[in-house]
N, C-alpha and C. Protein backbone atom coordinates (compact mmCIF):
# COMPACT_ATOMS: atom_id res chain seq x y z
N MET A 1 89.69 88.33 113.68
CA MET A 1 88.98 88.96 112.53
C MET A 1 89.77 90.13 112.10
N ASN A 2 90.19 90.43 110.78
CA ASN A 2 90.75 91.63 110.35
C ASN A 2 89.75 92.63 110.10
N GLU A 3 89.73 93.91 110.67
CA GLU A 3 88.97 94.95 110.22
C GLU A 3 89.40 95.45 108.81
N ARG A 4 88.51 96.07 108.20
CA ARG A 4 88.51 96.75 106.78
C ARG A 4 89.28 98.04 106.99
N LYS A 5 90.11 98.44 106.03
CA LYS A 5 90.87 99.55 106.00
C LYS A 5 90.04 100.39 104.93
N TRP A 6 89.56 101.63 105.37
CA TRP A 6 88.87 102.28 104.26
C TRP A 6 89.57 103.60 104.09
N LEU A 7 89.51 104.01 102.79
CA LEU A 7 90.18 104.95 102.10
C LEU A 7 88.99 106.11 102.11
N GLN A 8 89.03 107.24 102.72
CA GLN A 8 87.87 108.20 102.55
C GLN A 8 87.93 108.91 101.14
N SER A 9 86.89 109.27 100.80
CA SER A 9 87.10 109.74 99.33
C SER A 9 88.03 110.99 99.12
N THR A 10 88.79 110.68 98.09
CA THR A 10 90.05 111.49 97.56
C THR A 10 89.77 111.85 96.18
N LYS A 11 89.93 113.37 96.14
CA LYS A 11 89.64 113.90 94.87
C LYS A 11 90.93 113.64 93.96
N LEU A 12 90.75 112.92 92.89
CA LEU A 12 91.87 112.85 91.84
C LEU A 12 91.98 114.03 90.73
N LEU A 13 90.66 114.45 90.53
CA LEU A 13 90.42 115.67 89.56
C LEU A 13 89.40 116.44 90.13
N ASP A 14 89.47 117.82 90.48
CA ASP A 14 88.37 118.65 90.72
C ASP A 14 88.10 119.78 89.74
N GLY A 15 87.03 119.50 89.15
CA GLY A 15 86.73 120.69 88.27
C GLY A 15 87.48 120.61 87.00
N ALA A 16 88.12 119.56 86.45
CA ALA A 16 88.87 119.48 85.31
C ALA A 16 88.26 120.13 84.06
N THR A 17 88.78 121.03 83.27
CA THR A 17 88.24 121.51 82.03
C THR A 17 89.23 121.58 80.91
N SER A 18 89.81 120.60 80.93
CA SER A 18 90.86 120.56 79.84
C SER A 18 91.34 118.78 79.80
N THR A 19 92.06 118.65 78.45
CA THR A 19 92.78 117.26 78.61
C THR A 19 93.80 117.41 79.65
N THR A 20 93.82 116.34 80.55
CA THR A 20 94.73 116.55 81.69
C THR A 20 94.76 114.98 82.42
N GLN A 21 95.61 114.92 83.21
CA GLN A 21 95.70 113.73 83.84
C GLN A 21 95.79 114.07 85.60
N SER A 22 95.40 112.94 86.32
CA SER A 22 95.67 113.15 87.81
C SER A 22 96.80 112.76 88.11
N ASN A 23 97.42 112.97 89.37
CA ASN A 23 98.48 112.43 89.80
C ASN A 23 98.29 111.07 90.23
N PRO A 24 99.31 110.26 90.23
CA PRO A 24 99.24 108.92 90.70
C PRO A 24 98.88 108.76 92.24
N TYR A 25 97.96 107.81 92.54
CA TYR A 25 97.36 107.84 93.94
C TYR A 25 98.01 106.29 94.37
N PRO A 26 98.67 106.27 95.63
CA PRO A 26 99.10 104.79 95.99
C PRO A 26 98.02 104.13 96.44
N ILE A 27 97.79 102.94 95.97
CA ILE A 27 96.50 102.05 96.43
C ILE A 27 96.94 100.63 96.64
N GLU A 28 98.25 100.43 97.07
CA GLU A 28 98.56 99.16 97.41
C GLU A 28 98.05 98.25 98.63
N ASP A 29 97.59 99.23 99.69
CA ASP A 29 96.99 98.88 100.67
C ASP A 29 95.46 98.60 100.64
N TYR A 30 95.04 98.60 99.57
CA TYR A 30 93.41 98.53 99.36
C TYR A 30 93.15 97.52 98.28
N ALA A 31 92.31 96.75 98.47
CA ALA A 31 91.90 95.61 97.67
C ALA A 31 90.92 95.93 96.62
N ASN A 32 90.13 96.91 96.93
CA ASN A 32 88.96 97.20 96.13
C ASN A 32 88.86 98.79 96.05
N MET A 33 88.68 99.34 94.67
CA MET A 33 88.76 100.87 94.55
C MET A 33 87.57 101.16 93.58
N MET A 34 86.95 102.28 94.11
CA MET A 34 85.84 102.68 93.21
C MET A 34 86.09 104.24 92.91
N LEU A 35 85.79 104.63 91.72
CA LEU A 35 85.91 105.87 91.07
C LEU A 35 84.46 106.24 90.90
N THR A 36 84.22 107.57 91.38
CA THR A 36 82.88 108.25 91.21
C THR A 36 83.37 109.49 90.20
N ILE A 37 82.66 109.44 89.11
CA ILE A 37 82.81 110.68 88.09
C ILE A 37 81.61 111.48 88.14
N ALA A 38 81.74 112.78 88.32
CA ALA A 38 80.70 113.75 88.26
C ALA A 38 80.92 114.87 87.07
N SER A 39 79.97 115.01 86.19
CA SER A 39 80.33 115.88 85.12
C SER A 39 79.18 117.17 85.18
N GLY A 40 79.60 118.12 84.37
CA GLY A 40 78.64 119.39 84.32
C GLY A 40 79.21 120.38 83.30
N ASP A 41 78.13 121.20 82.96
CA ASP A 41 78.49 122.23 82.07
C ASP A 41 78.54 121.71 80.63
N SER A 42 77.74 120.94 80.24
CA SER A 42 77.47 120.22 78.98
C SER A 42 78.80 119.50 78.62
N PRO A 43 79.28 118.57 79.16
CA PRO A 43 80.61 117.90 79.18
C PRO A 43 80.64 117.00 77.74
N GLU A 44 81.84 116.91 77.23
CA GLU A 44 82.18 116.28 76.09
C GLU A 44 83.73 115.67 76.36
N ALA A 45 83.74 114.63 76.86
CA ALA A 45 85.15 114.17 76.97
C ALA A 45 85.36 112.61 77.19
N THR A 46 86.53 112.05 77.32
CA THR A 46 86.78 110.42 77.63
C THR A 46 87.71 110.63 78.84
N VAL A 47 87.23 109.77 79.90
CA VAL A 47 88.11 109.66 80.96
C VAL A 47 88.66 108.17 81.03
N LYS A 48 89.81 107.97 81.01
CA LYS A 48 90.49 106.44 81.18
C LYS A 48 91.26 106.43 82.50
N VAL A 49 90.96 105.22 82.93
CA VAL A 49 91.76 105.01 84.26
C VAL A 49 92.99 104.34 84.03
N VAL A 50 94.11 104.67 84.62
CA VAL A 50 95.46 104.15 84.41
C VAL A 50 95.91 103.54 85.73
N GLY A 51 96.92 102.62 85.54
CA GLY A 51 97.37 102.03 86.61
C GLY A 51 98.83 101.51 86.58
N SER A 52 99.54 101.35 87.68
CA SER A 52 101.11 100.89 87.47
C SER A 52 101.30 99.87 88.77
N PHE A 53 102.16 98.79 88.54
CA PHE A 53 102.68 97.84 89.29
C PHE A 53 104.07 98.24 89.73
N GLN A 54 104.76 99.30 89.24
CA GLN A 54 106.06 99.61 89.66
C GLN A 54 106.28 100.22 90.97
N LEU A 55 107.45 100.07 91.36
CA LEU A 55 107.50 100.47 92.91
C LEU A 55 107.72 101.98 92.93
N GLU A 56 108.29 102.58 92.10
CA GLU A 56 108.38 104.13 91.91
C GLU A 56 107.11 104.77 91.42
N CYS A 57 106.73 105.94 91.75
CA CYS A 57 105.54 106.61 91.28
C CYS A 57 105.75 106.78 89.69
N PRO A 58 104.95 106.33 89.06
CA PRO A 58 104.90 106.66 87.60
C PRO A 58 104.33 108.06 87.19
N ASP A 59 104.75 108.38 85.89
CA ASP A 59 104.37 109.63 85.48
C ASP A 59 103.38 109.40 84.37
N PHE A 60 101.92 109.64 84.75
CA PHE A 60 101.07 109.51 83.69
C PHE A 60 100.87 110.39 82.59
N SER A 61 101.57 111.77 82.77
CA SER A 61 101.63 112.67 81.61
C SER A 61 102.84 112.18 80.48
N GLN A 62 103.58 111.24 80.90
CA GLN A 62 104.64 110.78 80.00
C GLN A 62 104.08 109.33 79.30
N GLY A 63 104.79 109.08 78.26
CA GLY A 63 104.19 107.75 77.56
C GLY A 63 104.83 106.68 78.36
N ALA A 64 104.16 105.40 78.51
CA ALA A 64 104.58 104.42 79.14
C ALA A 64 105.95 103.65 78.51
N ASP A 65 106.83 103.27 79.16
CA ASP A 65 108.08 102.67 78.68
C ASP A 65 108.60 101.96 79.74
N LYS A 66 109.90 101.07 79.54
CA LYS A 66 110.50 100.35 80.46
C LYS A 66 110.95 100.90 81.85
N ASP A 67 110.97 102.41 81.92
CA ASP A 67 111.19 102.93 83.11
C ASP A 67 110.12 103.76 83.49
N ASN A 68 109.02 103.93 82.84
CA ASN A 68 107.71 104.69 83.32
C ASN A 68 106.42 103.62 83.13
N GLN A 69 106.37 102.46 83.68
CA GLN A 69 105.45 101.50 83.24
C GLN A 69 104.00 101.74 84.04
N TRP A 70 103.12 101.92 83.08
CA TRP A 70 101.80 102.17 83.37
C TRP A 70 100.98 101.73 82.19
N SER A 71 99.52 101.28 82.41
CA SER A 71 98.71 101.01 81.35
C SER A 71 97.28 101.26 81.72
N TYR A 72 96.37 101.38 80.55
CA TYR A 72 95.03 101.56 80.81
C TYR A 72 94.24 100.41 81.65
N ILE A 73 93.41 100.67 82.51
CA ILE A 73 92.73 99.78 83.18
C ILE A 73 91.27 99.65 83.24
N SER A 74 90.65 98.48 82.95
CA SER A 74 89.23 98.38 82.91
C SER A 74 88.63 98.60 84.10
N VAL A 75 87.37 98.99 83.95
CA VAL A 75 86.44 99.37 85.03
C VAL A 75 85.18 98.67 84.75
N ARG A 76 84.21 98.62 85.86
CA ARG A 76 82.91 97.95 85.76
C ARG A 76 81.97 99.07 86.19
N ASN A 77 80.83 99.28 85.54
CA ASN A 77 79.97 100.48 85.92
C ASN A 77 79.13 99.80 86.98
N LEU A 78 79.21 100.49 88.02
CA LEU A 78 78.34 99.87 89.23
C LEU A 78 76.72 100.11 88.98
N GLU A 79 76.25 100.80 88.22
CA GLU A 79 74.86 100.86 87.81
C GLU A 79 74.40 99.50 87.09
N ASP A 80 75.00 99.28 85.81
CA ASP A 80 74.34 98.19 85.26
C ASP A 80 75.42 97.22 84.97
N TRP A 81 76.62 97.08 85.73
CA TRP A 81 77.57 96.14 85.89
C TRP A 81 78.27 95.73 84.39
N THR A 82 78.12 96.72 83.45
CA THR A 82 79.08 96.47 82.29
C THR A 82 80.48 96.97 82.38
N ASN A 83 81.21 96.10 81.76
CA ASN A 83 82.56 96.40 81.61
C ASN A 83 83.14 97.23 80.58
N ILE A 84 84.02 98.16 81.01
CA ILE A 84 84.59 99.21 80.07
C ILE A 84 86.00 99.10 79.96
N ASP A 85 86.49 98.68 78.70
CA ASP A 85 87.77 98.43 78.43
C ASP A 85 88.77 99.70 78.61
N GLY A 86 89.83 99.49 79.15
CA GLY A 86 90.61 100.68 79.62
C GLY A 86 91.18 101.54 78.53
N THR A 87 91.36 100.79 77.35
CA THR A 87 91.74 101.92 76.26
C THR A 87 90.67 102.38 75.55
N THR A 88 89.28 101.93 75.69
CA THR A 88 88.12 102.74 75.12
C THR A 88 87.84 103.92 76.29
N GLY A 89 87.87 103.57 77.58
CA GLY A 89 87.53 104.55 78.55
C GLY A 89 86.06 104.90 78.76
N ILE A 90 85.67 105.90 79.52
CA ILE A 90 84.48 106.30 79.83
C ILE A 90 84.08 107.44 78.92
N SER A 91 83.00 107.22 78.24
CA SER A 91 82.63 108.46 77.24
C SER A 91 81.55 109.18 78.04
N ILE A 92 81.80 110.64 78.33
CA ILE A 92 81.16 111.68 78.81
C ILE A 92 80.40 112.46 77.92
N SER A 93 78.91 112.47 77.70
CA SER A 93 78.59 113.51 76.84
C SER A 93 77.19 114.03 77.46
N THR A 94 77.00 113.82 78.82
CA THR A 94 76.01 114.26 79.52
C THR A 94 76.37 114.60 80.82
N GLU A 95 75.45 115.48 81.69
CA GLU A 95 75.83 115.69 83.03
C GLU A 95 75.22 114.77 83.86
N TRP A 96 75.92 114.01 84.63
CA TRP A 96 75.75 112.92 85.51
C TRP A 96 76.58 112.49 86.55
N VAL A 97 76.39 111.58 87.38
CA VAL A 97 77.19 111.05 88.40
C VAL A 97 76.94 109.74 88.17
N GLU A 98 78.32 108.86 88.31
CA GLU A 98 78.22 107.46 87.99
C GLU A 98 79.52 106.90 88.97
N SER A 99 79.34 105.71 89.22
CA SER A 99 80.38 105.00 90.02
C SER A 99 80.91 103.83 89.41
N TYR A 100 82.24 103.55 89.47
CA TYR A 100 82.89 102.46 88.75
C TYR A 100 83.74 101.49 89.57
N LEU A 101 83.65 100.29 89.61
CA LEU A 101 84.62 99.37 90.26
C LEU A 101 85.99 99.20 89.32
N VAL A 102 87.05 99.57 89.95
CA VAL A 102 88.34 99.74 89.19
C VAL A 102 89.01 98.28 89.31
N ASN A 103 89.45 97.57 88.16
CA ASN A 103 89.97 96.29 88.21
C ASN A 103 91.56 96.51 88.69
N THR A 104 91.63 96.31 89.99
CA THR A 104 92.96 96.89 90.78
C THR A 104 93.91 95.66 91.29
N PRO A 105 93.64 94.31 90.97
CA PRO A 105 94.42 93.41 91.62
C PRO A 105 96.08 93.63 91.59
N TRP A 106 96.53 93.92 92.74
CA TRP A 106 98.03 94.16 92.92
C TRP A 106 98.53 95.41 92.44
N LEU A 107 97.68 96.30 92.08
CA LEU A 107 98.37 97.73 91.38
C LEU A 107 98.86 98.44 92.70
N ARG A 108 99.95 99.01 92.35
CA ARG A 108 100.38 99.95 93.51
C ARG A 108 100.07 101.46 93.37
N TRP A 109 99.69 101.82 91.99
CA TRP A 109 99.36 103.17 91.59
C TRP A 109 97.98 103.19 90.82
N VAL A 110 97.26 104.28 90.79
CA VAL A 110 95.93 104.35 90.09
C VAL A 110 95.59 105.94 89.85
N GLY A 111 95.23 106.17 88.60
CA GLY A 111 94.94 107.41 88.29
C GLY A 111 94.17 107.59 87.14
N VAL A 112 93.69 108.83 86.60
CA VAL A 112 92.95 109.03 85.58
C VAL A 112 93.46 109.83 84.73
N VAL A 113 93.21 109.71 83.26
CA VAL A 113 93.51 110.62 82.20
C VAL A 113 92.16 111.20 81.32
N ILE A 114 92.23 112.40 81.26
CA ILE A 114 90.99 112.89 80.40
C ILE A 114 91.59 113.21 78.95
N ASN A 115 91.00 112.48 77.91
CA ASN A 115 91.41 113.07 76.48
C ASN A 115 90.15 113.14 75.84
N SER A 116 90.29 113.54 74.65
CA SER A 116 89.20 113.86 73.81
C SER A 116 88.31 114.91 74.46
N TYR A 117 88.84 115.86 75.15
CA TYR A 117 88.01 116.84 75.77
C TYR A 117 87.54 117.91 74.87
N THR A 118 86.31 118.28 75.00
CA THR A 118 85.75 119.42 74.24
C THR A 118 85.37 120.33 75.00
N THR A 119 84.46 120.16 76.00
CA THR A 119 83.75 121.06 76.88
C THR A 119 83.37 120.68 78.25
N GLY A 120 82.93 121.24 79.15
CA GLY A 120 82.46 120.85 80.47
C GLY A 120 83.30 120.63 81.61
N THR A 121 83.03 120.35 82.65
CA THR A 121 83.87 119.99 83.89
C THR A 121 83.54 118.69 84.44
N ILE A 122 84.79 118.11 84.93
CA ILE A 122 84.84 116.67 85.42
C ILE A 122 85.50 116.60 86.65
N ASP A 123 84.73 115.97 87.62
CA ASP A 123 85.47 115.61 88.90
C ASP A 123 85.61 114.29 89.00
N VAL A 124 86.55 113.75 89.57
CA VAL A 124 86.81 112.29 89.89
C VAL A 124 87.37 112.05 91.17
N SER A 125 86.30 111.18 92.00
CA SER A 125 86.98 110.75 93.34
C SER A 125 87.11 109.30 93.41
N LEU A 126 88.11 109.10 94.47
CA LEU A 126 88.38 107.81 94.51
C LEU A 126 88.41 107.30 95.80
N ASN A 127 87.65 106.08 96.23
CA ASN A 127 87.36 105.61 97.38
C ASN A 127 88.00 103.90 97.38
N GLY A 128 88.17 103.63 98.36
CA GLY A 128 88.68 102.03 98.58
C GLY A 128 88.41 101.39 99.78
N PHE A 129 88.70 100.09 99.95
CA PHE A 129 88.65 99.50 100.93
C PHE A 129 89.55 98.12 100.97
N SER A 130 90.03 97.67 102.08
CA SER A 130 90.82 96.46 101.97
C SER A 130 89.67 95.27 102.43
N SER A 131 90.00 94.26 102.01
CA SER A 131 89.08 92.94 102.36
C SER A 131 89.12 92.39 103.65
């Protein structure tokens, strides 16, 4: 029997206070990925999950094209199991902590992008395991 390989909690963003993006994180060794988003200080923003299949590390700060292949990824809220479209993203307008299952089949890289930022602080952590 194969043992699961666990990814300890890794901060993608720590106290973000502006429109920004995380660095791409390599996830090809993990079958299942979860994000935990914690917000504070009267937040108003949208967090979108991004991913890539390409071998080379993508640049999420640049537009997606044939040499920088990435796209928005859907997630599922672990509290009520609702699906959130990747292009819509996760709207944050209150202080809370929520966890999401990331739709990661065969992705090599994952990250997050904060846009529509107005105020507040946002932390995003990544956890995962192989099956």
